[in-house]
PDB file of N, CA and C in Angstrom:
ATOM      1  N   MET A   1     -12.635 -28.152  10.153  1.00  0.00           N
ATOM      2  CA  MET A   1     -12.350 -26.781  10.545  1.00  0.00           C
ATOM      3  C   MET A   1     -11.426 -26.101   9.542  1.00  0.00           C
ATOM      4  N   GLY A   2     -10.503 -26.848   8.925  1.00  0.00           N
ATOM      5  CA  GLY A   2      -9.565 -26.261   7.979  1.00  0.00           C
ATOM      6  C   GLY A   2     -10.266 -25.624   6.799  1.00  0.00           C
ATOM      7  N   ASN A   3     -11.282 -26.317   6.259  1.00  0.00           N
ATOM      8  CA  ASN A   3     -12.013 -25.785   5.112  1.00  0.00           C
ATOM      9  C   ASN A   3     -12.800 -24.540   5.502  1.00  0.00           C
ATOM     10  N   GLU A   4     -13.365 -24.539   6.703  1.00  0.00           N
ATOM     11  CA  GLU A   4     -14.120 -23.374   7.169  1.00  0.00           C
ATOM     12  C   GLU A   4     -13.202 -22.156   7.304  1.00  0.00           C
ATOM     13  N   LYS A   5     -12.007 -22.363   7.835  1.00  0.00           N
ATOM     14  CA  LYS A   5     -11.057 -21.265   7.990  1.00  0.00           C
ATOM     15  C   LYS A   5     -10.584 -20.766   6.624  1.00  0.00           C
ATOM     16  N   TYR A   6     -10.376 -21.686   5.686  1.00  0.00           N
ATOM     17  CA  TYR A   6      -9.988 -21.322   4.319  1.00  0.00           C
ATOM     18  C   TYR A   6     -11.070 -20.458   3.684  1.00  0.00           C
ATOM     19  N   LEU A   7     -12.328 -20.871   3.825  1.00  0.00           N
ATOM     20  CA  LEU A   7     -13.443 -20.116   3.246  1.00  0.00           C
ATOM     21  C   LEU A   7     -13.590 -18.749   3.911  1.00  0.00           C
ATOM     22  N   LEU A   8     -13.394 -18.689   5.220  1.00  0.00           N
ATOM     23  CA  LEU A   8     -13.466 -17.418   5.941  1.00  0.00           C
ATOM     24  C   LEU A   8     -12.351 -16.472   5.482  1.00  0.00           C
ATOM     25  N   THR A   9     -11.162 -17.011   5.290  1.00  0.00           N
ATOM     26  CA  THR A   9     -10.040 -16.209   4.809  1.00  0.00           C
ATOM     27  C   THR A   9     -10.295 -15.719   3.390  1.00  0.00           C
ATOM     28  N   ALA A  10     -10.831 -16.585   2.541  1.00  0.00           N
ATOM     29  CA  ALA A  10     -11.157 -16.192   1.165  1.00  0.00           C
ATOM     30  C   ALA A  10     -12.201 -15.079   1.164  1.00  0.00           C
ATOM     31  N   HIS A  11     -13.189 -15.192   2.033  1.00  0.00           N
ATOM     32  CA  HIS A  11     -14.227 -14.161   2.139  1.00  0.00           C
ATOM     33  C   HIS A  11     -13.612 -12.829   2.580  1.00  0.00           C
ATOM     34  N   LEU A  12     -12.734 -12.879   3.577  1.00  0.00           N
ATOM     35  CA  LEU A  12     -12.071 -11.668   4.065  1.00  0.00           C
ATOM     36  C   LEU A  12     -11.287 -10.998   2.944  1.00  0.00           C
ATOM     37  N   MET A  13     -10.526 -11.762   2.198  1.00  0.00           N
ATOM     38  CA  MET A  13      -9.710 -11.188   1.134  1.00  0.00           C
ATOM     39  C   MET A  13     -10.577 -10.589   0.028  1.00  0.00           C
ATOM     40  N   ARG A  14     -11.686 -11.224  -0.286  1.00  0.00           N
ATOM     41  CA  ARG A  14     -12.605 -10.660  -1.286  1.00  0.00           C
ATOM     42  C   ARG A  14     -13.214  -9.365  -0.783  1.00  0.00           C
ATOM     43  N   ARG A  15     -13.662  -9.349   0.457  1.00  0.00           N
ATOM     44  CA  ARG A  15     -14.298  -8.154   1.014  1.00  0.00           C
ATOM     45  C   ARG A  15     -13.301  -7.006   1.165  1.00  0.00           C
ATOM     46  N   ALA A  16     -12.046  -7.343   1.429  1.00  0.00           N
ATOM     47  CA  ALA A  16     -11.018  -6.314   1.579  1.00  0.00           C
ATOM     48  C   ALA A  16     -10.581  -5.761   0.224  1.00  0.00           C
ATOM     49  N   GLY A  17     -10.989  -6.426  -0.852  1.00  0.00           N
ATOM     50  CA  GLY A  17     -10.671  -5.947  -2.187  1.00  0.00           C
ATOM     51  C   GLY A  17      -9.377  -6.490  -2.757  1.00  0.00           C
ATOM     52  N   PHE A  18      -8.846  -7.551  -2.156  1.00  0.00           N
ATOM     53  CA  PHE A  18      -7.606  -8.142  -2.636  1.00  0.00           C
ATOM     54  C   PHE A  18      -7.902  -9.486  -3.274  1.00  0.00           C
ATOM     55  N   GLY A  19      -7.301  -9.715  -4.407  1.00  0.00           N
ATOM     56  CA  GLY A  19      -7.387 -11.041  -5.003  1.00  0.00           C
ATOM     57  C   GLY A  19      -6.298 -11.904  -4.393  1.00  0.00           C
ATOM     58  N   ALA A  20      -6.595 -13.137  -4.150  1.00  0.00           N
ATOM     59  CA  ALA A  20      -5.594 -14.037  -3.588  1.00  0.00           C
ATOM     60  C   ALA A  20      -5.677 -15.369  -4.312  1.00  0.00           C
ATOM     61  N   THR A  21      -4.520 -15.935  -4.614  1.00  0.00           N
ATOM     62  CA  THR A  21      -4.486 -17.243  -5.248  1.00  0.00           C
ATOM     63  C   THR A  21      -4.809 -18.312  -4.211  1.00  0.00           C
ATOM     64  N   ARG A  22      -5.039 -19.507  -4.674  1.00  0.00           N
ATOM     65  CA  ARG A  22      -5.322 -20.607  -3.736  1.00  0.00           C
ATOM     66  C   ARG A  22      -4.139 -20.856  -2.811  1.00  0.00           C
ATOM     67  N   LEU A  23      -2.944 -20.744  -3.366  1.00  0.00           N
ATOM     68  CA  LEU A  23      -1.747 -20.945  -2.545  1.00  0.00           C
ATOM     69  C   LEU A  23      -1.640 -19.863  -1.473  1.00  0.00           C
ATOM     70  N   GLU A  24      -1.883 -18.614  -1.855  1.00  0.00           N
ATOM     71  CA  GLU A  24      -1.849 -17.522  -0.878  1.00  0.00           C
ATOM     72  C   GLU A  24      -2.911 -17.711   0.194  1.00  0.00           C
ATOM     73  N   LEU A  25      -4.105 -18.142  -0.215  1.00  0.00           N
ATOM     74  CA  LEU A  25      -5.174 -18.381   0.762  1.00  0.00           C
ATOM     75  C   LEU A  25      -4.811 -19.512   1.712  1.00  0.00           C
ATOM     76  N   SER A  26      -4.193 -20.557   1.183  1.00  0.00           N
ATOM     77  CA  SER A  26      -3.794 -21.684   2.039  1.00  0.00           C
ATOM     78  C   SER A  26      -2.784 -21.237   3.090  1.00  0.00           C
ATOM     79  N   LYS A  27      -1.830 -20.407   2.671  1.00  0.00           N
ATOM     80  CA  LYS A  27      -0.828 -19.908   3.622  1.00  0.00           C
ATOM     81  C   LYS A  27      -1.464 -18.977   4.650  1.00  0.00           C
ATOM     82  N   LEU A  28      -2.353 -18.095   4.184  1.00  0.00           N
ATOM     83  CA  LEU A  28      -3.014 -17.172   5.108  1.00  0.00           C
ATOM     84  C   LEU A  28      -3.912 -17.912   6.091  1.00  0.00           C
ATOM     85  N   ALA A  29      -4.581 -18.961   5.636  1.00  0.00           N
ATOM     86  CA  ALA A  29      -5.511 -19.695   6.489  1.00  0.00           C
ATOM     87  C   ALA A  29      -4.800 -20.385   7.653  1.00  0.00           C
ATOM     88  N   GLU A  30      -3.485 -20.535   7.560  1.00  0.00           N
ATOM     89  CA  GLU A  30      -2.722 -21.133   8.659  1.00  0.00           C
ATOM     90  C   GLU A  30      -2.519 -20.134   9.804  1.00  0.00           C
ATOM     91  N   GLU A  31      -2.679 -18.851   9.516  1.00  0.00           N
ATOM     92  CA  GLU A  31      -2.497 -17.814  10.535  1.00  0.00           C
ATOM     93  C   GLU A  31      -3.798 -17.580  11.297  1.00  0.00           C
ATOM     94  N   GLU A  32      -3.671 -16.924  12.434  1.00  0.00           N
ATOM     95  CA  GLU A  32      -4.854 -16.539  13.203  1.00  0.00           C
ATOM     96  C   GLU A  32      -5.593 -15.442  12.448  1.00  0.00           C
ATOM     97  N   TYR A  33      -6.919 -15.481  12.510  1.00  0.00           N
ATOM     98  CA  TYR A  33      -7.751 -14.524  11.781  1.00  0.00           C
ATOM     99  C   TYR A  33      -7.412 -13.087  12.164  1.00  0.00           C
ATOM    100  N   GLU A  34      -7.209 -12.845  13.436  1.00  0.00           N
ATOM    101  CA  GLU A  34      -6.893 -11.500  13.909  1.00  0.00           C
ATOM    102  C   GLU A  34      -5.577 -11.000  13.325  1.00  0.00           C
ATOM    103  N   ASN A  35      -4.598 -11.895  13.171  1.00  0.00           N
ATOM    104  CA  ASN A  35      -3.310 -11.511  12.597  1.00  0.00           C
ATOM    105  C   ASN A  35      -3.441 -11.175  11.113  1.00  0.00           C
ATOM    106  N   ILE A  36      -4.315 -11.882  10.411  1.00  0.00           N
ATOM    107  CA  ILE A  36      -4.551 -11.587   8.997  1.00  0.00           C
ATOM    108  C   ILE A  36      -5.145 -10.191   8.862  1.00  0.00           C
ATOM    109  N   VAL A  37      -6.155  -9.897   9.683  1.00  0.00           N
ATOM    110  CA  VAL A  37      -6.797  -8.579   9.644  1.00  0.00           C
ATOM    111  C   VAL A  37      -5.784  -7.497   9.997  1.00  0.00           C
ATOM    112  N   GLU A  38      -4.994  -7.720  11.029  1.00  0.00           N
ATOM    113  CA  GLU A  38      -3.980  -6.739  11.435  1.00  0.00           C
ATOM    114  C   GLU A  38      -2.974  -6.503  10.314  1.00  0.00           C
ATOM    115  N   GLY A  39      -2.583  -7.562   9.619  1.00  0.00           N
ATOM    116  CA  GLY A  39      -1.653  -7.423   8.500  1.00  0.00           C
ATOM    117  C   GLY A  39      -2.238  -6.616   7.359  1.00  0.00           C
ATOM    118  N   LEU A  40      -3.544  -6.732   7.149  1.00  0.00           N
ATOM    119  CA  LEU A  40      -4.201  -5.950   6.100  1.00  0.00           C
ATOM    120  C   LEU A  40      -4.323  -4.482   6.496  1.00  0.00           C
ATOM    121  N   LEU A  41      -4.569  -4.236   7.778  1.00  0.00           N
ATOM    122  CA  LEU A  41      -4.751  -2.863   8.247  1.00  0.00           C
ATOM    123  C   LEU A  41      -3.432  -2.131   8.477  1.00  0.00           C
ATOM    124  N   SER A  42      -2.402  -2.871   8.840  1.00  0.00           N
ATOM    125  CA  SER A  42      -1.092  -2.269   9.132  1.00  0.00           C
ATOM    126  C   SER A  42       0.000  -3.065   8.425  1.00  0.00           C
ATOM    127  N   PRO A  43       0.104  -2.923   7.111  1.00  0.00           N
ATOM    128  CA  PRO A  43       1.108  -3.714   6.388  1.00  0.00           C
ATOM    129  C   PRO A  43       2.525  -3.257   6.720  1.00  0.00           C
ATOM    130  N   THR A  44       3.463  -4.165   6.585  1.00  0.00           N
ATOM    131  CA  THR A  44       4.861  -3.813   6.796  1.00  0.00           C
ATOM    132  C   THR A  44       5.367  -3.078   5.562  1.00  0.00           C
ATOM    133  N   ALA A  45       6.381  -2.276   5.744  1.00  0.00           N
ATOM    134  CA  ALA A  45       6.941  -1.510   4.631  1.00  0.00           C
ATOM    135  C   ALA A  45       7.629  -2.461   3.651  1.00  0.00           C
ATOM    136  N   PRO A  46       7.466  -2.224   2.367  1.00  0.00           N
ATOM    137  CA  PRO A  46       8.143  -3.082   1.388  1.00  0.00           C
ATOM    138  C   PRO A  46       9.645  -2.848   1.419  1.00  0.00           C
ATOM    139  N   LYS A  47      10.393  -3.858   0.994  1.00  0.00           N
ATOM    140  CA  LYS A  47      11.840  -3.714   0.932  1.00  0.00           C
ATOM    141  C   LYS A  47      12.190  -2.677  -0.122  1.00  0.00           C
ATOM    142  N   ALA A  48      13.230  -1.917   0.135  1.00  0.00           N
ATOM    143  CA  ALA A  48      13.662  -0.878  -0.799  1.00  0.00           C
ATOM    144  C   ALA A  48      14.215  -1.510  -2.073  1.00  0.00           C
ATOM    145  N   ILE A  49      13.993  -0.844  -3.178  1.00  0.00           N
ATOM    146  CA  ILE A  49      14.520  -1.303  -4.458  1.00  0.00           C
ATOM    147  C   ILE A  49      15.923  -0.732  -4.620  1.00  0.00           C
ATOM    148  N   GLU A  50      16.833  -1.585  -5.059  1.00  0.00           N
ATOM    149  CA  GLU A  50      18.207  -1.133  -5.239  1.00  0.00           C
ATOM    150  C   GLU A  50      18.278  -0.076  -6.338  1.00  0.00           C
ATOM    151  N   ASP A  51      19.139   0.915  -6.138  1.00  0.00           N
ATOM    152  CA  ASP A  51      19.287   1.994  -7.114  1.00  0.00           C
ATOM    153  C   ASP A  51      19.706   1.481  -8.485  1.00  0.00           C
ATOM    154  N   ALA A  52      20.590   0.488  -8.519  1.00  0.00           N
ATOM    155  CA  ALA A  52      21.062  -0.037  -9.800  1.00  0.00           C
ATOM    156  C   ALA A  52      19.908  -0.630 -10.610  1.00  0.00           C
ATOM    157  N   LEU A  53      18.984  -1.271  -9.939  1.00  0.00           N
ATOM    158  CA  LEU A  53      17.838  -1.849 -10.632  1.00  0.00           C
ATOM    159  C   LEU A  53      16.926  -0.760 -11.182  1.00  0.00           C
ATOM    160  N   VAL A  54      16.737   0.293 -10.416  1.00  0.00           N
ATOM    161  CA  VAL A  54      15.916   1.410 -10.889  1.00  0.00           C
ATOM    162  C   VAL A  54      16.580   2.058 -12.096  1.00  0.00           C
ATOM    163  N   ARG A  55      17.878   2.292 -12.020  1.00  0.00           N
ATOM    164  CA  ARG A  55      18.593   2.939 -13.129  1.00  0.00           C
ATOM    165  C   ARG A  55      18.564   2.094 -14.394  1.00  0.00           C
ATOM    166  N   ARG A  56      18.601   0.783 -14.239  1.00  0.00           N
ATOM    167  CA  ARG A  56      18.613  -0.090 -15.405  1.00  0.00           C
ATOM    168  C   ARG A  56      17.331   0.047 -16.208  1.00  0.00           C
ATOM    169  N   TYR A  57      16.204   0.067 -15.546  1.00  0.00           N
ATOM    170  CA  TYR A  57      14.922   0.084 -16.243  1.00  0.00           C
ATOM    171  C   TYR A  57      14.304   1.477 -16.366  1.00  0.00           C
ATOM    172  N   HIS A  58      14.776   2.414 -15.573  1.00  0.00           N
ATOM    173  CA  HIS A  58      14.247   3.787 -15.603  1.00  0.00           C
ATOM    174  C   HIS A  58      15.410   4.773 -15.503  1.00  0.00           C
ATOM    175  N   PRO A  59      16.192   4.910 -16.576  1.00  0.00           N
ATOM    176  CA  PRO A  59      17.362   5.789 -16.496  1.00  0.00           C
ATOM    177  C   PRO A  59      17.007   7.242 -16.195  1.00  0.00           C
ATOM    178  N   ASP A  60      15.800   7.649 -16.520  1.00  0.00           N
ATOM    179  CA  ASP A  60      15.392   9.021 -16.225  1.00  0.00           C
ATOM    180  C   ASP A  60      15.238   9.266 -14.728  1.00  0.00           C
ATOM    181  N   GLN A  61      15.156   8.208 -13.921  1.00  0.00           N
ATOM    182  CA  GLN A  61      15.036   8.342 -12.471  1.00  0.00           C
ATOM    183  C   GLN A  61      16.394   8.357 -11.778  1.00  0.00           C
ATOM    184  N   SER A  62      17.447   8.234 -12.559  1.00  0.00           N
ATOM    185  CA  SER A  62      18.791   8.197 -12.005  1.00  0.00           C
ATOM    186  C   SER A  62      19.194   9.568 -11.477  1.00  0.00           C
ATOM    187  N   VAL A  63      19.864   9.581 -10.358  1.00  0.00           N
ATOM    188  CA  VAL A  63      20.326  10.829  -9.755  1.00  0.00           C
ATOM    189  C   VAL A  63      21.422  11.446 -10.613  1.00  0.00           C
ATOM    190  N   THR A  64      22.246  10.617 -11.260  1.00  0.00           N
ATOM    191  CA  THR A  64      23.372  11.118 -12.045  1.00  0.00           C
ATOM    192  C   THR A  64      22.986  11.435 -13.482  1.00  0.00           C
ATOM    193  N   HIS A  65      21.767  11.173 -13.856  1.00  0.00           N
ATOM    194  CA  HIS A  65      21.324  11.407 -15.234  1.00  0.00           C
ATOM    195  C   HIS A  65      21.039  12.886 -15.460  1.00  0.00           C
ATOM    196  N   ASP A  66      21.553  13.421 -16.543  1.00  0.00           N
ATOM    197  CA  ASP A  66      21.317  14.841 -16.862  1.00  0.00           C
ATOM    198  C   ASP A  66      20.098  14.992 -17.730  1.00  0.00           C
TER     199      ASP A  66
END
């Protein structure tokens, strides 16, 4: 059953248009299929990027930059 679920998860990720590594597929295959689909349809918001990190690599995006 594990291999079947892995293959089903790989198929879902291909059809959804996302590439997934073998490690990512293995982790996803441990979840319920419905939860995987729900996660694809309603993703959680990404963590905010710290301002200092943005300023370091993109000084033009700095609020204090003239």
